[in-house]
Amino acid sequence: VLRPEEGIEPRWMAQLLLRHDVRRSAQ
């Protein structure tokens, strides 16, 4: 669970995590 601080758009954060390079790093 990631709870964005005030001023951080949740949708922006979720889409960031869907990038393949982020997922490969997570893997």
PDB file of all heavy atoms in Angstrom:
ATOM      1  N   VAL A   1       0.847  -1.196   0.000  1.00  0.00           N
ATOM      2  CA  VAL A   1       0.000   0.000   0.000  1.00  0.00           C
ATOM      3  C   VAL A   1       0.882   1.245   0.000  1.00  0.00           C
ATOM      4  O   VAL A   1       1.764   1.397   0.843  1.00  0.00           O
ATOM      5  CB  VAL A   1      -0.932   0.017   1.229  1.00  0.00           C
ATOM      6  CG1 VAL A   1      -1.846   1.238   1.183  1.00  0.00           C
ATOM      7  CG2 VAL A   1      -1.762  -1.260   1.296  1.00  0.00           C
ATOM      8  N   LEU A   2       0.643   2.132  -0.954  1.00  0.00           N
ATOM      9  CA  LEU A   2       1.353   3.409  -1.024  1.00  0.00           C
ATOM     10  C   LEU A   2       0.318   4.525  -0.856  1.00  0.00           C
ATOM     11  O   LEU A   2      -0.625   4.620  -1.651  1.00  0.00           O
ATOM     12  CB  LEU A   2       2.083   3.562  -2.361  1.00  0.00           C
ATOM     13  CG  LEU A   2       3.268   2.618  -2.611  1.00  0.00           C
ATOM     14  CD1 LEU A   2       2.797   1.282  -3.171  1.00  0.00           C
ATOM     15  CD2 LEU A   2       4.255   3.251  -3.575  1.00  0.00           C
ATOM     16  N   ARG A   3       0.495   5.344   0.173  1.00  0.00           N
ATOM     17  CA  ARG A   3      -0.452   6.436   0.447  1.00  0.00           C
ATOM     18  C   ARG A   3       0.200   7.754   0.058  1.00  0.00           C
ATOM     19  O   ARG A   3       1.087   8.253   0.758  1.00  0.00           O
ATOM     20  CB  ARG A   3      -0.864   6.439   1.919  1.00  0.00           C
ATOM     21  CG  ARG A   3      -1.917   7.487   2.284  1.00  0.00           C
ATOM     22  CD  ARG A   3      -2.564   7.122   3.605  1.00  0.00           C
ATOM     23  NE  ARG A   3      -3.239   5.840   3.516  1.00  0.00           N
ATOM     24  CZ  ARG A   3      -3.606   5.114   4.578  1.00  0.00           C
ATOM     25  NH1 ARG A   3      -3.363   5.548   5.803  1.00  0.00           N
ATOM     26  NH2 ARG A   3      -4.212   3.949   4.399  1.00  0.00           N
ATOM     27  N   PRO A   4      -0.211   8.355  -1.052  1.00  0.00           N
ATOM     28  CA  PRO A   4       0.440   9.585  -1.526  1.00  0.00           C
ATOM     29  C   PRO A   4       0.243  10.744  -0.551  1.00  0.00           C
ATOM     30  O   PRO A   4      -0.824  10.898   0.050  1.00  0.00           O
ATOM     31  CB  PRO A   4      -0.269   9.871  -2.857  1.00  0.00           C
ATOM     32  CG  PRO A   4      -0.906   8.567  -3.252  1.00  0.00           C
ATOM     33  CD  PRO A   4      -1.257   7.891  -1.972  1.00  0.00           C
ATOM     34  N   GLU A   5       1.299  11.532  -0.412  1.00  0.00           N
ATOM     35  CA  GLU A   5       1.207  12.759   0.387  1.00  0.00           C
ATOM     36  C   GLU A   5       0.332  13.775  -0.353  1.00  0.00           C
ATOM     37  O   GLU A   5       0.069  13.662  -1.554  1.00  0.00           O
ATOM     38  CB  GLU A   5       2.598  13.352   0.594  1.00  0.00           C
ATOM     39  CG  GLU A   5       3.502  12.534   1.499  1.00  0.00           C
ATOM     40  CD  GLU A   5       3.251  12.803   2.976  1.00  0.00           C
ATOM     41  OE1 GLU A   5       2.285  13.542   3.290  1.00  0.00           O
ATOM     42  OE2 GLU A   5       4.011  12.293   3.810  1.00  0.00           O
ATOM     43  N   GLU A   6      -0.111  14.785   0.371  1.00  0.00           N
ATOM     44  CA  GLU A   6      -0.868  15.884  -0.231  1.00  0.00           C
ATOM     45  C   GLU A   6      -0.017  16.525  -1.332  1.00  0.00           C
ATOM     46  O   GLU A   6       1.148  16.863  -1.123  1.00  0.00           O
ATOM     47  CB  GLU A   6      -1.214  16.937   0.834  1.00  0.00           C
ATOM     48  CG  GLU A   6      -2.149  18.026   0.350  1.00  0.00           C
ATOM     49  CD  GLU A   6      -3.570  17.520   0.138  1.00  0.00           C
ATOM     50  OE1 GLU A   6      -3.956  16.547   0.817  1.00  0.00           O
ATOM     51  OE2 GLU A   6      -4.274  18.105  -0.709  1.00  0.00           O
ATOM     52  N   GLY A   7      -0.591  16.634  -2.528  1.00  0.00           N
ATOM     53  CA  GLY A   7       0.138  17.193  -3.651  1.00  0.00           C
ATOM     54  C   GLY A   7       0.683  16.143  -4.608  1.00  0.00           C
ATOM     55  O   GLY A   7       1.217  16.491  -5.665  1.00  0.00           O
ATOM     56  N   ILE A   8       0.560  14.897  -4.248  1.00  0.00           N
ATOM     57  CA  ILE A   8       0.964  13.803  -5.135  1.00  0.00           C
ATOM     58  C   ILE A   8      -0.302  13.155  -5.684  1.00  0.00           C
ATOM     59  O   ILE A   8      -1.149  12.670  -4.917  1.00  0.00           O
ATOM     60  CB  ILE A   8       1.818  12.747  -4.406  1.00  0.00           C
ATOM     61  CG1 ILE A   8       3.057  13.405  -3.784  1.00  0.00           C
ATOM     62  CG2 ILE A   8       2.211  11.627  -5.358  1.00  0.00           C
ATOM     63  CD1 ILE A   8       4.000  14.018  -4.793  1.00  0.00           C
ATOM     64  N   GLU A   9      -0.469  13.156  -6.992  1.00  0.00           N
ATOM     65  CA  GLU A   9      -1.651  12.604  -7.653  1.00  0.00           C
ATOM     66  C   GLU A   9      -1.585  11.066  -7.643  1.00  0.00           C
ATOM     67  O   GLU A   9      -0.652  10.476  -8.199  1.00  0.00           O
ATOM     68  CB  GLU A   9      -1.720  13.112  -9.097  1.00  0.00           C
ATOM     69  CG  GLU A   9      -2.740  12.434  -9.977  1.00  0.00           C
ATOM     70  CD  GLU A   9      -4.167  12.618  -9.486  1.00  0.00           C
ATOM     71  OE1 GLU A   9      -4.565  13.778  -9.253  1.00  0.00           O
ATOM     72  OE2 GLU A   9      -4.859  11.596  -9.342  1.00  0.00           O
ATOM     73  N   PRO A  10      -2.563  10.393  -6.994  1.00  0.00           N
ATOM     74  CA  PRO A  10      -2.530   8.923  -6.925  1.00  0.00           C
ATOM     75  C   PRO A  10      -2.489   8.265  -8.305  1.00  0.00           C
ATOM     76  O   PRO A  10      -1.791   7.267  -8.506  1.00  0.00           O
ATOM     77  CB  PRO A  10      -3.815   8.573  -6.167  1.00  0.00           C
ATOM     78  CG  PRO A  10      -4.134   9.799  -5.367  1.00  0.00           C
ATOM     79  CD  PRO A  10      -3.690  10.953  -6.216  1.00  0.00           C
ATOM     80  N   ARG A  11      -3.250   8.801  -9.266  1.00  0.00           N
ATOM     81  CA  ARG A  11      -3.266   8.202 -10.600  1.00  0.00           C
ATOM     82  C   ARG A  11      -1.891   8.276 -11.249  1.00  0.00           C
ATOM     83  O   ARG A  11      -1.467   7.351 -11.940  1.00  0.00           O
ATOM     84  CB  ARG A  11      -4.304   8.893 -11.477  1.00  0.00           C
ATOM     85  CG  ARG A  11      -5.751   8.699 -11.042  1.00  0.00           C
ATOM     86  CD  ARG A  11      -6.671   9.544 -11.915  1.00  0.00           C
ATOM     87  NE  ARG A  11      -6.357  10.972 -11.784  1.00  0.00           N
ATOM     88  CZ  ARG A  11      -6.696  11.901 -12.675  1.00  0.00           C
ATOM     89  NH1 ARG A  11      -7.346  11.555 -13.780  1.00  0.00           N
ATOM     90  NH2 ARG A  11      -6.387  13.172 -12.481  1.00  0.00           N
ATOM     91  N   TRP A  12      -1.202   9.403 -11.034  1.00  0.00           N
ATOM     92  CA  TRP A  12       0.151   9.572 -11.567  1.00  0.00           C
ATOM     93  C   TRP A  12       1.078   8.522 -10.976  1.00  0.00           C
ATOM     94  O   TRP A  12       1.866   7.895 -11.687  1.00  0.00           O
ATOM     95  CB  TRP A  12       0.628  10.991 -11.238  1.00  0.00           C
ATOM     96  CG  TRP A  12       2.051  11.268 -11.621  1.00  0.00           C
ATOM     97  CD1 TRP A  12       2.508  11.710 -12.824  1.00  0.00           C
ATOM     98  CD2 TRP A  12       3.200  11.133 -10.784  1.00  0.00           C
ATOM     99  NE1 TRP A  12       3.873  11.848 -12.793  1.00  0.00           N
ATOM    100  CE2 TRP A  12       4.325  11.494 -11.543  1.00  0.00           C
ATOM    101  CE3 TRP A  12       3.392  10.727  -9.451  1.00  0.00           C
ATOM    102  CZ2 TRP A  12       5.619  11.474 -11.037  1.00  0.00           C
ATOM    103  CZ3 TRP A  12       4.671  10.706  -8.938  1.00  0.00           C
ATOM    104  CH2 TRP A  12       5.767  11.075  -9.728  1.00  0.00           C
ATOM    105  N   MET A  13       0.961   8.287  -9.667  1.00  0.00           N
ATOM    106  CA  MET A  13       1.822   7.318  -9.003  1.00  0.00           C
ATOM    107  C   MET A  13       1.542   5.897  -9.505  1.00  0.00           C
ATOM    108  O   MET A  13       2.470   5.116  -9.768  1.00  0.00           O
ATOM    109  CB  MET A  13       1.612   7.377  -7.487  1.00  0.00           C
ATOM    110  CG  MET A  13       2.475   6.384  -6.710  1.00  0.00           C
ATOM    111  SD  MET A  13       2.195   6.485  -4.929  1.00  0.00           S
ATOM    112  CE  MET A  13       3.034   8.024  -4.572  1.00  0.00           C
ATOM    113  N   ALA A  14       0.256   5.558  -9.657  1.00  0.00           N
ATOM    114  CA  ALA A  14      -0.098   4.211 -10.118  1.00  0.00           C
ATOM    115  C   ALA A  14       0.430   3.960 -11.525  1.00  0.00           C
ATOM    116  O   ALA A  14       0.966   2.879 -11.825  1.00  0.00           O
ATOM    117  CB  ALA A  14      -1.610   4.022 -10.071  1.00  0.00           C
ATOM    118  N   GLN A  15       0.287   4.948 -12.415  1.00  0.00           N
ATOM    119  CA  GLN A  15       0.774   4.776 -13.787  1.00  0.00           C
ATOM    120  C   GLN A  15       2.291   4.684 -13.829  1.00  0.00           C
ATOM    121  O   GLN A  15       2.863   3.966 -14.656  1.00  0.00           O
ATOM    122  CB  GLN A  15       0.291   5.930 -14.661  1.00  0.00           C
ATOM    123  CG  GLN A  15      -1.222   5.969 -14.876  1.00  0.00           C
ATOM    124  CD  GLN A  15      -1.710   4.809 -15.743  1.00  0.00           C
ATOM    125  OE1 GLN A  15      -0.947   3.969 -16.189  1.00  0.00           O
ATOM    126  NE2 GLN A  15      -3.012   4.769 -15.983  1.00  0.00           N
ATOM    127  N   LEU A  16       2.961   5.374 -12.931  1.00  0.00           N
ATOM    128  CA  LEU A  16       4.412   5.283 -12.855  1.00  0.00           C
ATOM    129  C   LEU A  16       4.843   3.846 -12.561  1.00  0.00           C
ATOM    130  O   LEU A  16       5.791   3.318 -13.161  1.00  0.00           O
ATOM    131  CB  LEU A  16       4.932   6.222 -11.767  1.00  0.00           C
ATOM    132  CG  LEU A  16       6.428   6.120 -11.442  1.00  0.00           C
ATOM    133  CD1 LEU A  16       7.244   6.738 -12.569  1.00  0.00           C
ATOM    134  CD2 LEU A  16       6.744   6.802 -10.119  1.00  0.00           C
ATOM    135  N   LEU A  17       4.132   3.190 -11.643  1.00  0.00           N
ATOM    136  CA  LEU A  17       4.491   1.823 -11.256  1.00  0.00           C
ATOM    137  C   LEU A  17       4.201   0.809 -12.355  1.00  0.00           C
ATOM    138  O   LEU A  17       4.678  -0.325 -12.294  1.00  0.00           O
ATOM    139  CB  LEU A  17       3.736   1.430  -9.979  1.00  0.00           C
ATOM    140  CG  LEU A  17       4.032   2.269  -8.734  1.00  0.00           C
ATOM    141  CD1 LEU A  17       3.231   1.755  -7.552  1.00  0.00           C
ATOM    142  CD2 LEU A  17       5.522   2.284  -8.421  1.00  0.00           C
ATOM    143  N   LEU A  18       3.406   1.203 -13.360  1.00  0.00           N
ATOM    144  CA  LEU A  18       3.073   0.293 -14.448  1.00  0.00           C
ATOM    145  C   LEU A  18       4.098   0.316 -15.576  1.00  0.00           C
ATOM    146  O   LEU A  18       3.998  -0.463 -16.519  1.00  0.00           O
ATOM    147  CB  LEU A  18       1.685   0.630 -15.008  1.00  0.00           C
ATOM    148  CG  LEU A  18       0.515   0.266 -14.089  1.00  0.00           C
ATOM    149  CD1 LEU A  18      -0.778   0.854 -14.611  1.00  0.00           C
ATOM    150  CD2 LEU A  18       0.392  -1.251 -13.951  1.00  0.00           C
ATOM    151  N   ARG A  19       5.078   1.208 -15.486  1.00  0.00           N
ATOM    152  CA  ARG A  19       6.131   1.227 -16.506  1.00  0.00           C
ATOM    153  C   ARG A  19       6.926  -0.066 -16.440  1.00  0.00           C
ATOM    154  O   ARG A  19       7.234  -0.586 -15.357  1.00  0.00           O
ATOM    155  CB  ARG A  19       7.052   2.427 -16.288  1.00  0.00           C
ATOM    156  CG  ARG A  19       6.427   3.748 -16.662  1.00  0.00           C
ATOM    157  CD  ARG A  19       7.320   4.917 -16.326  1.00  0.00           C
ATOM    158  NE  ARG A  19       8.704   4.726 -16.787  1.00  0.00           N
ATOM    159  CZ  ARG A  19       9.623   5.689 -16.763  1.00  0.00           C
ATOM    160  NH1 ARG A  19       9.301   6.900 -16.320  1.00  0.00           N
ATOM    161  NH2 ARG A  19      10.844   5.462 -17.180  1.00  0.00           N
ATOM    162  N   HIS A  20       7.277  -0.612 -17.601  1.00  0.00           N
ATOM    163  CA  HIS A  20       8.016  -1.872 -17.649  1.00  0.00           C
ATOM    164  C   HIS A  20       9.374  -1.764 -16.972  1.00  0.00           C
ATOM    165  O   HIS A  20       9.830  -2.722 -16.319  1.00  0.00           O
ATOM    166  CB  HIS A  20       8.180  -2.336 -19.099  1.00  0.00           C
ATOM    167  CG  HIS A  20       6.968  -3.041 -19.620  1.00  0.00           C
ATOM    168  ND1 HIS A  20       6.859  -3.473 -20.921  1.00  0.00           N
ATOM    169  CD2 HIS A  20       5.818  -3.413 -19.012  1.00  0.00           C
ATOM    170  CE1 HIS A  20       5.691  -4.067 -21.096  1.00  0.00           C
ATOM    171  NE2 HIS A  20       5.034  -4.030 -19.958  1.00  0.00           N
ATOM    172  N   ASP A  21      10.043  -0.606 -17.098  1.00  0.00           N
ATOM    173  CA  ASP A  21      11.357  -0.497 -16.473  1.00  0.00           C
ATOM    174  C   ASP A  21      11.246  -0.534 -14.955  1.00  0.00           C
ATOM    175  O   ASP A  21      12.107  -1.113 -14.274  1.00  0.00           O
ATOM    176  CB  ASP A  21      12.078   0.772 -16.938  1.00  0.00           C
ATOM    177  CG  ASP A  21      11.287   2.037 -16.643  1.00  0.00           C
ATOM    178  OD1 ASP A  21      10.055   1.953 -16.479  1.00  0.00           O
ATOM    179  OD2 ASP A  21      11.903   3.120 -16.586  1.00  0.00           O
ATOM    180  N   VAL A  22      10.163   0.044 -14.411  1.00  0.00           N
ATOM    181  CA  VAL A  22       9.949  -0.014 -12.963  1.00  0.00           C
ATOM    182  C   VAL A  22       9.643  -1.443 -12.542  1.00  0.00           C
ATOM    183  O   VAL A  22      10.178  -1.946 -11.542  1.00  0.00           O
ATOM    184  CB  VAL A  22       8.806   0.935 -12.539  1.00  0.00           C
ATOM    185  CG1 VAL A  22       8.490   0.765 -11.054  1.00  0.00           C
ATOM    186  CG2 VAL A  22       9.184   2.384 -12.836  1.00  0.00           C
ATOM    187  N   ARG A  23       8.796  -2.118 -13.316  1.00  0.00           N
ATOM    188  CA  ARG A  23       8.459  -3.506 -12.979  1.00  0.00           C
ATOM    189  C   ARG A  23       9.665  -4.433 -13.075  1.00  0.00           C
ATOM    190  O   ARG A  23       9.832  -5.343 -12.265  1.00  0.00           O
ATOM    191  CB  ARG A  23       7.331  -4.008 -13.887  1.00  0.00           C
ATOM    192  CG  ARG A  23       5.944  -3.530 -13.447  1.00  0.00           C
ATOM    193  CD  ARG A  23       4.863  -4.221 -14.217  1.00  0.00           C
ATOM    194  NE  ARG A  23       4.384  -3.414 -15.327  1.00  0.00           N
ATOM    195  CZ  ARG A  23       3.457  -3.813 -16.187  1.00  0.00           C
ATOM    196  NH1 ARG A  23       2.939  -5.022 -16.091  1.00  0.00           N
ATOM    197  NH2 ARG A  23       3.063  -3.028 -17.163  1.00  0.00           N
ATOM    198  N   ARG A  24      10.518  -4.192 -14.077  1.00  0.00           N
ATOM    199  CA  ARG A  24      11.721  -5.031 -14.190  1.00  0.00           C
ATOM    200  C   ARG A  24      12.652  -4.804 -12.996  1.00  0.00           C
ATOM    201  O   ARG A  24      13.245  -5.755 -12.466  1.00  0.00           O
ATOM    202  CB  ARG A  24      12.441  -4.725 -15.500  1.00  0.00           C
ATOM    203  CG  ARG A  24      11.758  -5.326 -16.719  1.00  0.00           C
ATOM    204  CD  ARG A  24      12.676  -5.268 -17.940  1.00  0.00           C
ATOM    205  NE  ARG A  24      12.938  -3.890 -18.348  1.00  0.00           N
ATOM    206  CZ  ARG A  24      12.227  -3.247 -19.263  1.00  0.00           C
ATOM    207  NH1 ARG A  24      11.189  -3.846 -19.851  1.00  0.00           N
ATOM    208  NH2 ARG A  24      12.543  -2.006 -19.605  1.00  0.00           N
ATOM    209  N   SER A  25      12.777  -3.556 -12.565  1.00  0.00           N
ATOM    210  CA  SER A  25      13.599  -3.271 -11.389  1.00  0.00           C
ATOM    211  C   SER A  25      13.005  -3.925 -10.148  1.00  0.00           C
ATOM    212  O   SER A  25      13.730  -4.481  -9.307  1.00  0.00           O
ATOM    213  CB  SER A  25      13.717  -1.755 -11.174  1.00  0.00           C
ATOM    214  OG  SER A  25      14.386  -1.141 -12.256  1.00  0.00           O
ATOM    215  N   ALA A  26      11.673  -3.872 -10.021  1.00  0.00           N
ATOM    216  CA  ALA A  26      11.008  -4.511  -8.881  1.00  0.00           C
ATOM    217  C   ALA A  26      11.251  -6.013  -8.899  1.00  0.00           C
ATOM    218  O   ALA A  26      11.490  -6.636  -7.856  1.00  0.00           O
ATOM    219  CB  ALA A  26       9.513  -4.201  -8.914  1.00  0.00           C
ATOM    220  N   GLN A  27      11.204  -6.593 -10.094  1.00  0.00           N
ATOM    221  CA  GLN A  27      11.423  -8.041 -10.214  1.00  0.00           C
ATOM    222  C   GLN A  27      12.835  -8.420  -9.775  1.00  0.00           C
ATOM    223  O   GLN A  27      13.035  -9.432  -9.103  1.00  0.00           O
ATOM    224  CB  GLN A  27      11.178  -8.480 -11.655  1.00  0.00           C
ATOM    225  CG  GLN A  27      11.218  -9.990 -11.866  1.00  0.00           C
ATOM    226  CD  GLN A  27      10.939 -10.366 -13.302  1.00  0.00           C
ATOM    227  OE1 GLN A  27      11.296  -9.635 -14.231  1.00  0.00           O
ATOM    228  NE2 GLN A  27      10.282 -11.494 -13.515  1.00  0.00           N
TER     229      GLN A  27
END
